[in-house]
C-alpha cells in the first residue's frame, strides 16, 4: 500500500496533536455528566457511526483480513481500550492541565518501548532521555507546587501514564498492520474491538444510566460531541495516517504540541491554574524528548 508523503503525514500529525490537546479538556468536562466507561462507550459508538460509512464509501466495503491481521487488530483494540479508559479514569483524580503535561512524555515512552520490543535502537541510547522525561512526569504528578492537580495526583498520573503506554503499543503495532490495511480500516476495526470489550463494564461504572439524560448539561453533550468527531474520528485517523507515512518514532515528536494546547485550553475553559510545577515539569519532559531524538539521530549516523 502506498504511503503518504512526509508533508501530508506531518500535517496530519500536527492536526491530531492539536485536537488531542483539546480532548483532555473535553474528557474532563464529559466526566461531569457521564461515567468514565459511559464516556468511552458513547465516544466509540459515535465515532463508528462516522468511520464505518466513510470506509464503505471510500473503500467499497471490500477488505480481506488474514488470520494474522485479525489477531493484530484485536491486540491493537486492547491498546485503544487501555488508552481511552485509563486516561478517563486518570482524569478523575488529576487536573486536565497536569494530564496534558504528562502526555508530553509520550514520545519518550514510544521510543523506550520501541527499543525494547522492535529493537530498532539500543535501550541505552534512549534511557537517559526517558529518565529525564519521567522525572518531569513525577514532578507534575504531585511533588510540591502551588497549582491544584486533583484529588489524588499520584494515582491519576499513574493511570494517564499507563494510558500512554497503551497508545505507544498501539502506534508501534499499527505500523506493521498498515503495511497491508489502510489507516481507516485499522481505525474503525480497532475501535470496534475496544467497544465490544468495554460494553460489559457499563454495569460497573454508571452515571448517565442512573440519573438519565435530563440532567446532562449542554456542556456535557458538547464535550462528548468533540470527543466523537474530533478526538476519535478525526484525531485517530489523522494519527494513523501520519504514522503510516513517517513511522511511530518520528510521529511521536508531534505529541509535544499536546501539552501546550492542553495547558492553554485548560486555563481558558476550565480555569485551571498553571503553577511553577507544571512549567518545570513540561520543560523536563520536553528536554527528555529532545534528548531521546538527539541520541537516536547520533546512533543512526554512527550505525
C-alpha atoms as a PDB file:
ATOM      1  CA  UNK A   1       0.000   0.000   0.000  1.00  0.00           C
ATOM      2  CA  UNK A   2       1.372   3.438  -0.982  1.00  0.00           C
ATOM      3  CA  UNK A   3       2.479   5.530   1.987  1.00  0.00           C
ATOM      4  CA  UNK A   4       1.550   9.206   2.468  1.00  0.00           C
ATOM      5  CA  UNK A   5       4.167  11.822   1.637  1.00  0.00           C
ATOM      6  CA  UNK A   6       6.190  13.222   4.530  1.00  0.00           C
ATOM      7  CA  UNK A   7       4.468  16.622   4.194  1.00  0.00           C
ATOM      8  CA  UNK A   8       0.973  15.109   4.285  1.00  0.00           C
ATOM      9  CA  UNK A   9       1.957  12.968   7.268  1.00  0.00           C
ATOM     10  CA  UNK A  10       3.302  15.984   9.173  1.00  0.00           C
ATOM     11  CA  UNK A  11       0.125  17.992   8.530  1.00  0.00           C
ATOM     12  CA  UNK A  12      -1.988  15.067   9.756  1.00  0.00           C
ATOM     13  CA  UNK A  13       0.142  14.588  12.886  1.00  0.00           C
ATOM     14  CA  UNK A  14       0.021  18.304  13.735  1.00  0.00           C
ATOM     15  CA  UNK A  15      -3.761  18.301  13.385  1.00  0.00           C
ATOM     16  CA  UNK A  16      -4.035  15.203  15.542  1.00  0.00           C
ATOM     17  CA  UNK A  17      -1.840  16.627  18.313  1.00  0.00           C
ATOM     18  CA  UNK A  18      -3.722  19.929  18.492  1.00  0.00           C
ATOM     19  CA  UNK A  19      -7.080  18.162  18.520  1.00  0.00           C
ATOM     20  CA  UNK A  20      -5.944  15.801  21.282  1.00  0.00           C
ATOM     21  CA  UNK A  21      -4.825  18.732  23.424  1.00  0.00           C
ATOM     22  CA  UNK A  22      -8.437  19.881  23.385  1.00  0.00           C
ATOM     23  CA  UNK A  23      -9.650  16.348  24.031  1.00  0.00           C
ATOM     24  CA  UNK A  24      -8.085  16.420  27.528  1.00  0.00           C
ATOM     25  CA  UNK A  25     -10.388  19.327  28.373  1.00  0.00           C
ATOM     26  CA  UNK A  26     -13.298  17.607  26.620  1.00  0.00           C
ATOM     27  CA  UNK A  27     -12.837  14.415  28.625  1.00  0.00           C
ATOM     28  CA  UNK A  28     -12.668  16.359  31.886  1.00  0.00           C
ATOM     29  CA  UNK A  29     -15.916  18.168  31.033  1.00  0.00           C
ATOM     30  CA  UNK A  30     -17.627  14.946  29.924  1.00  0.00           C
ATOM     31  CA  UNK A  31     -16.811  13.268  33.239  1.00  0.00           C
ATOM     32  CA  UNK A  32     -19.067  15.788  34.964  1.00  0.00           C
ATOM     33  CA  UNK A  33     -22.100  14.236  33.244  1.00  0.00           C
ATOM     34  CA  UNK A  34     -21.011  10.703  32.279  1.00  0.00           C
ATOM     35  CA  UNK A  35     -19.014   7.970  33.943  1.00  0.00           C
ATOM     36  CA  UNK A  36     -15.629   7.064  32.508  1.00  0.00           C
ATOM     37  CA  UNK A  37     -16.941   3.904  30.835  1.00  0.00           C
ATOM     38  CA  UNK A  38     -20.073   5.667  29.545  1.00  0.00           C
ATOM     39  CA  UNK A  39     -17.917   8.412  28.024  1.00  0.00           C
ATOM     40  CA  UNK A  40     -15.668   5.856  26.331  1.00  0.00           C
ATOM     41  CA  UNK A  41     -18.580   3.768  25.028  1.00  0.00           C
ATOM     42  CA  UNK A  42     -20.534   6.751  23.667  1.00  0.00           C
ATOM     43  CA  UNK A  43     -17.344   8.117  22.141  1.00  0.00           C
ATOM     44  CA  UNK A  44     -16.705   4.830  20.322  1.00  0.00           C
ATOM     45  CA  UNK A  45     -20.316   4.410  19.147  1.00  0.00           C
ATOM     46  CA  UNK A  46     -20.437   7.947  17.769  1.00  0.00           C
ATOM     47  CA  UNK A  47     -17.070   7.666  16.030  1.00  0.00           C
ATOM     48  CA  UNK A  48     -18.003   4.322  14.448  1.00  0.00           C
ATOM     49  CA  UNK A  49     -21.175   5.919  13.093  1.00  0.00           C
ATOM     50  CA  UNK A  50     -18.864   8.262  11.173  1.00  0.00           C
ATOM     51  CA  UNK A  51     -15.964   5.973  10.298  1.00  0.00           C
ATOM     52  CA  UNK A  52     -17.792   2.872   9.040  1.00  0.00           C
ATOM     53  CA  UNK A  53     -19.915   4.705   6.413  1.00  0.00           C
ATOM     54  CA  UNK A  54     -16.816   6.675   5.401  1.00  0.00           C
ATOM     55  CA  UNK A  55     -14.861   3.415   4.996  1.00  0.00           C
ATOM     56  CA  UNK A  56     -17.708   1.875   2.983  1.00  0.00           C
ATOM     57  CA  UNK A  57     -17.893   4.919   0.734  1.00  0.00           C
ATOM     58  CA  UNK A  58     -14.135   5.281   0.112  1.00  0.00           C
ATOM     59  CA  UNK A  59     -13.114   1.606   0.029  1.00  0.00           C
ATOM     60  CA  UNK A  60     -16.322  -0.052  -1.109  1.00  0.00           C
ATOM     61  CA  UNK A  61     -16.612  -2.236   1.967  1.00  0.00           C
ATOM     62  CA  UNK A  62     -14.281  -4.803   0.424  1.00  0.00           C
ATOM     63  CA  UNK A  63     -11.319  -5.599   2.649  1.00  0.00           C
ATOM     64  CA  UNK A  64      -9.759  -9.028   3.054  1.00  0.00           C
ATOM     65  CA  UNK A  65      -8.441  -9.827   6.522  1.00  0.00           C
ATOM     66  CA  UNK A  66      -5.915 -12.593   7.055  1.00  0.00           C
ATOM     67  CA  UNK A  67      -5.801 -14.541  10.306  1.00  0.00           C
ATOM     68  CA  UNK A  68      -2.701 -12.564  11.288  1.00  0.00           C
ATOM     69  CA  UNK A  69      -4.463  -9.269  10.537  1.00  0.00           C
ATOM     70  CA  UNK A  70      -7.385 -10.215  12.790  1.00  0.00           C
ATOM     71  CA  UNK A  71      -5.022 -11.172  15.594  1.00  0.00           C
ATOM     72  CA  UNK A  72      -3.094  -7.905  15.334  1.00  0.00           C
ATOM     73  CA  UNK A  73      -6.260  -5.810  15.100  1.00  0.00           C
ATOM     74  CA  UNK A  74      -7.618  -7.489  18.229  1.00  0.00           C
ATOM     75  CA  UNK A  75      -4.422  -6.674  20.102  1.00  0.00           C
ATOM     76  CA  UNK A  76      -4.494  -3.098  18.821  1.00  0.00           C
ATOM     77  CA  UNK A  77      -8.087  -2.844  20.038  1.00  0.00           C
ATOM     78  CA  UNK A  78      -6.770  -3.525  23.538  1.00  0.00           C
ATOM     79  CA  UNK A  79      -4.400  -0.591  23.058  1.00  0.00           C
ATOM     80  CA  UNK A  80      -7.299   1.713  22.163  1.00  0.00           C
ATOM     81  CA  UNK A  81      -9.313   0.430  25.119  1.00  0.00           C
ATOM     82  CA  UNK A  82      -6.435   0.964  27.530  1.00  0.00           C
ATOM     83  CA  UNK A  83      -5.700   4.446  26.269  1.00  0.00           C
ATOM     84  CA  UNK A  84      -9.295   5.669  26.426  1.00  0.00           C
ATOM     85  CA  UNK A  85     -10.309   4.152  29.756  1.00  0.00           C
ATOM     86  CA  UNK A  86      -7.055   4.678  31.650  1.00  0.00           C
ATOM     87  CA  UNK A  87      -6.922   8.333  30.609  1.00  0.00           C
ATOM     88  CA  UNK A  88     -10.552   8.893  31.610  1.00  0.00           C
ATOM     89  CA  UNK A  89     -10.134   7.199  34.976  1.00  0.00           C
ATOM     90  CA  UNK A  90      -6.923   9.154  35.493  1.00  0.00           C
ATOM     91  CA  UNK A  91      -8.747  12.440  34.869  1.00  0.00           C
ATOM     92  CA  UNK A  92     -10.987  11.624  37.827  1.00  0.00           C
ATOM     93  CA  UNK A  93      -8.025  12.193  40.120  1.00  0.00           C
ATOM     94  CA  UNK A  94      -5.864  14.723  38.312  1.00  0.00           C
ATOM     95  CA  UNK A  95      -6.312  18.116  36.681  1.00  0.00           C
ATOM     96  CA  UNK A  96      -6.640  18.433  32.913  1.00  0.00           C
ATOM     97  CA  UNK A  97      -3.621  20.734  32.670  1.00  0.00           C
ATOM     98  CA  UNK A  98      -1.470  18.272  34.627  1.00  0.00           C
ATOM     99  CA  UNK A  99      -2.662  15.360  32.487  1.00  0.00           C
ATOM    100  CA  UNK A 100      -1.813  17.350  29.368  1.00  0.00           C
ATOM    101  CA  UNK A 101       1.743  17.898  30.617  1.00  0.00           C
ATOM    102  CA  UNK A 102       2.174  14.177  31.375  1.00  0.00           C
ATOM    103  CA  UNK A 103       1.022  13.274  27.862  1.00  0.00           C
ATOM    104  CA  UNK A 104       4.026  15.218  26.598  1.00  0.00           C
ATOM    105  CA  UNK A 105       6.141  12.223  27.681  1.00  0.00           C
ATOM    106  CA  UNK A 106       4.507  10.028  25.049  1.00  0.00           C
ATOM    107  CA  UNK A 107       7.395  10.255  22.525  1.00  0.00           C
ATOM    108  CA  UNK A 108       9.862   9.075  25.175  1.00  0.00           C
ATOM    109  CA  UNK A 109       7.578   6.178  26.101  1.00  0.00           C
ATOM    110  CA  UNK A 110       7.156   5.205  22.436  1.00  0.00           C
ATOM    111  CA  UNK A 111      10.922   5.328  21.877  1.00  0.00           C
ATOM    112  CA  UNK A 112      11.569   3.275  25.026  1.00  0.00           C
ATOM    113  CA  UNK A 113       9.074   0.549  24.117  1.00  0.00           C
ATOM    114  CA  UNK A 114      10.219   0.573  20.501  1.00  0.00           C
ATOM    115  CA  UNK A 115      13.803  -0.039  21.651  1.00  0.00           C
ATOM    116  CA  UNK A 116      12.679  -2.921  23.864  1.00  0.00           C
ATOM    117  CA  UNK A 117      10.157  -4.559  21.521  1.00  0.00           C
ATOM    118  CA  UNK A 118      11.174  -3.704  17.966  1.00  0.00           C
ATOM    119  CA  UNK A 119      14.825  -3.165  18.888  1.00  0.00           C
ATOM    120  CA  UNK A 120      15.243  -0.532  16.212  1.00  0.00           C
ATOM    121  CA  UNK A 121      17.599   1.304  18.553  1.00  0.00           C
ATOM    122  CA  UNK A 122      19.540   0.142  21.650  1.00  0.00           C
ATOM    123  CA  UNK A 123      17.900   0.751  25.028  1.00  0.00           C
ATOM    124  CA  UNK A 124      20.957   2.544  26.410  1.00  0.00           C
ATOM    125  CA  UNK A 125      20.624   5.129  23.647  1.00  0.00           C
ATOM    126  CA  UNK A 126      17.208   6.335  24.841  1.00  0.00           C
ATOM    127  CA  UNK A 127      17.479   5.532  28.562  1.00  0.00           C
ATOM    128  CA  UNK A 128      18.834   8.929  29.675  1.00  0.00           C
ATOM    129  CA  UNK A 129      16.233  10.941  27.775  1.00  0.00           C
ATOM    130  CA  UNK A 130      13.425   8.744  29.047  1.00  0.00           C
ATOM    131  CA  UNK A 131      14.661   9.167  32.628  1.00  0.00           C
ATOM    132  CA  UNK A 132      14.563  12.973  32.288  1.00  0.00           C
ATOM    133  CA  UNK A 133      11.034  12.873  30.831  1.00  0.00           C
ATOM    134  CA  UNK A 134       9.805  10.544  33.555  1.00  0.00           C
ATOM    135  CA  UNK A 135      11.275  12.890  36.176  1.00  0.00           C
ATOM    136  CA  UNK A 136       9.041  15.607  34.724  1.00  0.00           C
ATOM    137  CA  UNK A 137       6.058  13.270  34.906  1.00  0.00           C
ATOM    138  CA  UNK A 138       6.813  12.514  38.569  1.00  0.00           C
ATOM    139  CA  UNK A 139       7.094  16.222  39.319  1.00  0.00           C
ATOM    140  CA  UNK A 140       3.711  17.211  37.918  1.00  0.00           C
ATOM    141  CA  UNK A 141       2.073  14.153  39.489  1.00  0.00           C
ATOM    142  CA  UNK A 142       2.240  15.523  42.994  1.00  0.00           C
ATOM    143  CA  UNK A 143       5.612  16.579  44.333  1.00  0.00           C
ATOM    144  CA  UNK A 144       5.099  20.086  45.689  1.00  0.00           C
ATOM    145  CA  UNK A 145       3.871  23.036  43.672  1.00  0.00           C
ATOM    146  CA  UNK A 146       1.063  25.534  44.114  1.00  0.00           C
ATOM    147  CA  UNK A 147      -1.283  24.640  41.272  1.00  0.00           C
ATOM    148  CA  UNK A 148      -4.051  22.146  42.096  1.00  0.00           C
ATOM    149  CA  UNK A 149      -3.529  18.799  40.442  1.00  0.00           C
ATOM    150  CA  UNK A 150      -6.632  16.926  41.546  1.00  0.00           C
ATOM    151  CA  UNK A 151      -7.796  14.749  44.406  1.00  0.00           C
ATOM    152  CA  UNK A 152      -5.132  12.060  44.026  1.00  0.00           C
ATOM    153  CA  UNK A 153      -2.439  13.247  41.606  1.00  0.00           C
ATOM    154  CA  UNK A 154      -0.154  10.241  42.001  1.00  0.00           C
ATOM    155  CA  UNK A 155      -2.942   7.799  41.140  1.00  0.00           C
ATOM    156  CA  UNK A 156      -4.226   9.994  38.330  1.00  0.00           C
ATOM    157  CA  UNK A 157      -0.740  10.491  36.936  1.00  0.00           C
ATOM    158  CA  UNK A 158      -0.047   6.752  37.012  1.00  0.00           C
ATOM    159  CA  UNK A 159      -3.287   5.952  35.167  1.00  0.00           C
ATOM    160  CA  UNK A 160      -2.608   8.584  32.498  1.00  0.00           C
ATOM    161  CA  UNK A 161       0.929   7.230  32.138  1.00  0.00           C
ATOM    162  CA  UNK A 162      -0.393   3.684  31.643  1.00  0.00           C
ATOM    163  CA  UNK A 163      -2.780   5.079  29.041  1.00  0.00           C
ATOM    164  CA  UNK A 164       0.250   6.454  27.194  1.00  0.00           C
ATOM    165  CA  UNK A 165       1.896   3.031  27.315  1.00  0.00           C
ATOM    166  CA  UNK A 166      -1.239   1.576  25.706  1.00  0.00           C
ATOM    167  CA  UNK A 167      -1.128   4.176  22.947  1.00  0.00           C
ATOM    168  CA  UNK A 168       2.584   3.657  22.350  1.00  0.00           C
ATOM    169  CA  UNK A 169       1.992  -0.064  21.859  1.00  0.00           C
ATOM    170  CA  UNK A 170      -0.901   0.772  19.516  1.00  0.00           C
ATOM    171  CA  UNK A 171       1.332   3.062  17.428  1.00  0.00           C
ATOM    172  CA  UNK A 172       4.153   0.513  17.227  1.00  0.00           C
ATOM    173  CA  UNK A 173       1.854  -2.363  16.277  1.00  0.00           C
ATOM    174  CA  UNK A 174      -0.220  -0.238  13.927  1.00  0.00           C
ATOM    175  CA  UNK A 175       2.747   0.448  11.661  1.00  0.00           C
ATOM    176  CA  UNK A 176       3.045  -3.245  10.799  1.00  0.00           C
ATOM    177  CA  UNK A 177      -0.615  -3.906  10.057  1.00  0.00           C
ATOM    178  CA  UNK A 178      -0.851  -0.745   7.933  1.00  0.00           C
ATOM    179  CA  UNK A 179       1.580  -2.334   5.507  1.00  0.00           C
ATOM    180  CA  UNK A 180      -1.481  -4.298   4.343  1.00  0.00           C
ATOM    181  CA  UNK A 181      -4.527  -2.353   5.535  1.00  0.00           C
ATOM    182  CA  UNK A 182      -5.496   1.310   5.228  1.00  0.00           C
ATOM    183  CA  UNK A 183      -5.395   3.624   8.278  1.00  0.00           C
ATOM    184  CA  UNK A 184      -9.188   3.992   8.035  1.00  0.00           C
ATOM    185  CA  UNK A 185      -9.675   0.224   8.191  1.00  0.00           C
ATOM    186  CA  UNK A 186      -7.338  -0.074  11.160  1.00  0.00           C
ATOM    187  CA  UNK A 187      -9.072   2.824  12.908  1.00  0.00           C
ATOM    188  CA  UNK A 188     -12.643   1.535  12.794  1.00  0.00           C
ATOM    189  CA  UNK A 189     -11.822  -2.140  13.372  1.00  0.00           C
ATOM    190  CA  UNK A 190      -9.694  -1.488  16.457  1.00  0.00           C
ATOM    191  CA  UNK A 191     -12.278   0.960  17.771  1.00  0.00           C
ATOM    192  CA  UNK A 192     -14.968  -1.696  17.310  1.00  0.00           C
ATOM    193  CA  UNK A 193     -12.890  -4.228  19.247  1.00  0.00           C
ATOM    194  CA  UNK A 194     -12.442  -1.770  22.100  1.00  0.00           C
ATOM    195  CA  UNK A 195     -16.185  -1.038  22.139  1.00  0.00           C
ATOM    196  CA  UNK A 196     -17.177  -4.698  22.335  1.00  0.00           C
ATOM    197  CA  UNK A 197     -14.755  -5.278  25.200  1.00  0.00           C
ATOM    198  CA  UNK A 198     -15.982  -2.395  27.333  1.00  0.00           C
ATOM    199  CA  UNK A 199     -19.761  -2.744  26.933  1.00  0.00           C
ATOM    200  CA  UNK A 200     -19.913  -5.285  29.816  1.00  0.00           C
ATOM    201  CA  UNK A 201     -18.073  -2.757  32.001  1.00  0.00           C
ATOM    202  CA  UNK A 202     -21.063  -0.398  31.831  1.00  0.00           C
ATOM    203  CA  UNK A 203     -22.667  -2.326  34.668  1.00  0.00           C
ATOM    204  CA  UNK A 204     -19.759  -1.460  36.961  1.00  0.00           C
ATOM    205  CA  UNK A 205     -19.436   2.259  36.209  1.00  0.00           C
ATOM    206  CA  UNK A 206     -22.652   4.220  35.705  1.00  0.00           C
ATOM    207  CA  UNK A 207     -23.746   7.812  35.938  1.00  0.00           C
ATOM    208  CA  UNK A 208     -25.936   8.604  32.928  1.00  0.00           C
ATOM    209  CA  UNK A 209     -27.727   5.247  33.231  1.00  0.00           C
ATOM    210  CA  UNK A 210     -28.669   6.098  36.810  1.00  0.00           C
ATOM    211  CA  UNK A 211     -29.550   9.798  36.544  1.00  0.00           C
ATOM    212  CA  UNK A 212     -30.939   9.954  32.981  1.00  0.00           C
ATOM    213  CA  UNK A 213     -30.260  12.324  30.098  1.00  0.00           C
ATOM    214  CA  UNK A 214     -32.356  15.165  31.524  1.00  0.00           C
ATOM    215  CA  UNK A 215     -29.652  16.172  34.000  1.00  0.00           C
ATOM    216  CA  UNK A 216     -26.839  16.283  31.433  1.00  0.00           C
ATOM    217  CA  UNK A 217     -25.862  19.928  30.803  1.00  0.00           C
ATOM    218  CA  UNK A 218     -25.296  21.322  27.342  1.00  0.00           C
ATOM    219  CA  UNK A 219     -21.558  21.495  28.020  1.00  0.00           C
ATOM    220  CA  UNK A 220     -21.541  17.729  28.642  1.00  0.00           C
ATOM    221  CA  UNK A 221     -23.134  16.959  25.283  1.00  0.00           C
ATOM    222  CA  UNK A 222     -20.838  19.454  23.553  1.00  0.00           C
ATOM    223  CA  UNK A 223     -17.777  17.839  25.137  1.00  0.00           C
ATOM    224  CA  UNK A 224     -18.962  14.388  24.069  1.00  0.00           C
ATOM    225  CA  UNK A 225     -19.546  15.627  20.507  1.00  0.00           C
ATOM    226  CA  UNK A 226     -15.992  16.996  20.410  1.00  0.00           C
ATOM    227  CA  UNK A 227     -14.596  13.658  21.588  1.00  0.00           C
ATOM    228  CA  UNK A 228     -16.576  11.767  18.951  1.00  0.00           C
ATOM    229  CA  UNK A 229     -15.949  13.947  15.906  1.00  0.00           C
ATOM    230  CA  UNK A 230     -12.536  15.461  16.544  1.00  0.00           C
ATOM    231  CA  UNK A 231     -10.640  13.434  19.154  1.00  0.00           C
ATOM    232  CA  UNK A 232     -11.667   9.997  17.846  1.00  0.00           C
ATOM    233  CA  UNK A 233     -12.936  10.068  14.260  1.00  0.00           C
ATOM    234  CA  UNK A 234     -10.592  12.834  13.052  1.00  0.00           C
ATOM    235  CA  UNK A 235      -7.744  12.638  15.576  1.00  0.00           C
ATOM    236  CA  UNK A 236      -7.115   8.901  15.474  1.00  0.00           C
ATOM    237  CA  UNK A 237      -7.498   8.776  11.694  1.00  0.00           C
ATOM    238  CA  UNK A 238      -5.012  11.612  11.240  1.00  0.00           C
ATOM    239  CA  UNK A 239      -2.582   9.974  13.673  1.00  0.00           C
ATOM    240  CA  UNK A 240      -2.656   6.605  11.913  1.00  0.00           C
ATOM    241  CA  UNK A 241      -2.231   8.332   8.550  1.00  0.00           C
ATOM    242  CA  UNK A 242       0.817  10.156   9.874  1.00  0.00           C
ATOM    243  CA  UNK A 243       2.313   7.034  11.479  1.00  0.00           C
ATOM    244  CA  UNK A 244       1.899   5.191   8.177  1.00  0.00           C
ATOM    245  CA  UNK A 245       3.878   7.926   6.468  1.00  0.00           C
ATOM    246  CA  UNK A 246       6.784   8.577   8.836  1.00  0.00           C
ATOM    247  CA  UNK A 247       6.700   5.816  11.461  1.00  0.00           C
ATOM    248  CA  UNK A 248       5.879   5.826  15.204  1.00  0.00           C
ATOM    249  CA  UNK A 249       9.192   7.276  16.422  1.00  0.00           C
ATOM    250  CA  UNK A 250       9.103  10.386  14.218  1.00  0.00           C
ATOM    251  CA  UNK A 251       5.347  10.726  14.712  1.00  0.00           C
ATOM    252  CA  UNK A 252       5.800  10.720  18.471  1.00  0.00           C
ATOM    253  CA  UNK A 253       7.620  14.069  18.342  1.00  0.00           C
ATOM    254  CA  UNK A 254       4.355  15.789  17.384  1.00  0.00           C
ATOM    255  CA  UNK A 255       2.872  14.822  20.751  1.00  0.00           C
ATOM    256  CA  UNK A 256       4.954  17.737  22.084  1.00  0.00           C
ATOM    257  CA  UNK A 257       2.144  20.001  20.850  1.00  0.00           C
ATOM    258  CA  UNK A 258      -0.440  18.318  23.099  1.00  0.00           C
ATOM    259  CA  UNK A 259       0.701  19.696  26.488  1.00  0.00           C
ATOM    260  CA  UNK A 260       0.937  23.214  25.068  1.00  0.00           C
ATOM    261  CA  UNK A 261      -2.619  23.204  23.723  1.00  0.00           C
ATOM    262  CA  UNK A 262      -3.902  21.281  26.757  1.00  0.00           C
ATOM    263  CA  UNK A 263      -2.416  23.807  29.217  1.00  0.00           C
ATOM    264  CA  UNK A 264      -3.797  26.757  27.281  1.00  0.00           C
ATOM    265  CA  UNK A 265      -7.295  25.297  26.871  1.00  0.00           C
ATOM    266  CA  UNK A 266      -7.429  24.024  30.483  1.00  0.00           C
ATOM    267  CA  UNK A 267      -6.726  27.533  31.745  1.00  0.00           C
ATOM    268  CA  UNK A 268      -9.143  29.113  29.267  1.00  0.00           C
ATOM    269  CA  UNK A 269     -12.076  26.672  29.538  1.00  0.00           C
ATOM    270  CA  UNK A 270     -11.718  25.039  32.969  1.00  0.00           C
ATOM    271  CA  UNK A 271      -9.935  27.828  34.806  1.00  0.00           C
ATOM    272  CA  UNK A 272      -7.083  25.508  35.829  1.00  0.00           C
ATOM    273  CA  UNK A 273      -4.155  27.292  37.451  1.00  0.00           C
ATOM    274  CA  UNK A 274      -0.765  26.815  35.829  1.00  0.00           C
ATOM    275  CA  UNK A 275       1.915  26.770  38.526  1.00  0.00           C
ATOM    276  CA  UNK A 276       5.676  26.501  38.685  1.00  0.00           C
ATOM    277  CA  UNK A 277       5.421  22.723  38.952  1.00  0.00           C
ATOM    278  CA  UNK A 278       3.658  22.411  35.595  1.00  0.00           C
ATOM    279  CA  UNK A 279       6.132  24.729  33.879  1.00  0.00           C
ATOM    280  CA  UNK A 280       9.197  22.927  35.257  1.00  0.00           C
ATOM    281  CA  UNK A 281       7.596  19.553  34.537  1.00  0.00           C
ATOM    282  CA  UNK A 282       6.911  20.336  30.909  1.00  0.00           C
ATOM    283  CA  UNK A 283      10.486  21.648  30.488  1.00  0.00           C
ATOM    284  CA  UNK A 284      11.865  18.365  31.876  1.00  0.00           C
ATOM    285  CA  UNK A 285       9.535  16.259  29.736  1.00  0.00           C
ATOM    286  CA  UNK A 286      10.349  18.107  26.523  1.00  0.00           C
ATOM    287  CA  UNK A 287      14.065  18.126  27.367  1.00  0.00           C
ATOM    288  CA  UNK A 288      13.932  14.360  27.745  1.00  0.00           C
ATOM    289  CA  UNK A 289      12.088  14.020  24.438  1.00  0.00           C
ATOM    290  CA  UNK A 290      14.725  16.184  22.725  1.00  0.00           C
ATOM    291  CA  UNK A 291      17.495  14.090  24.290  1.00  0.00           C
ATOM    292  CA  UNK A 292      15.872  10.889  23.004  1.00  0.00           C
ATOM    293  CA  UNK A 293      15.683  12.329  19.498  1.00  0.00           C
ATOM    294  CA  UNK A 294      19.255  13.642  19.575  1.00  0.00           C
ATOM    295  CA  UNK A 295      20.720  10.383  20.870  1.00  0.00           C
ATOM    296  CA  UNK A 296      18.682   8.377  18.352  1.00  0.00           C
ATOM    297  CA  UNK A 297      19.952  10.539  15.491  1.00  0.00           C
ATOM    298  CA  UNK A 298      23.554  10.127  16.669  1.00  0.00           C
ATOM    299  CA  UNK A 299      23.126   6.362  16.869  1.00  0.00           C
ATOM    300  CA  UNK A 300      21.754   6.180  13.312  1.00  0.00           C
ATOM    301  CA  UNK A 301      24.625   8.280  11.983  1.00  0.00           C
ATOM    302  CA  UNK A 302      27.157   6.084  13.742  1.00  0.00           C
ATOM    303  CA  UNK A 303      25.470   2.899  12.520  1.00  0.00           C
END
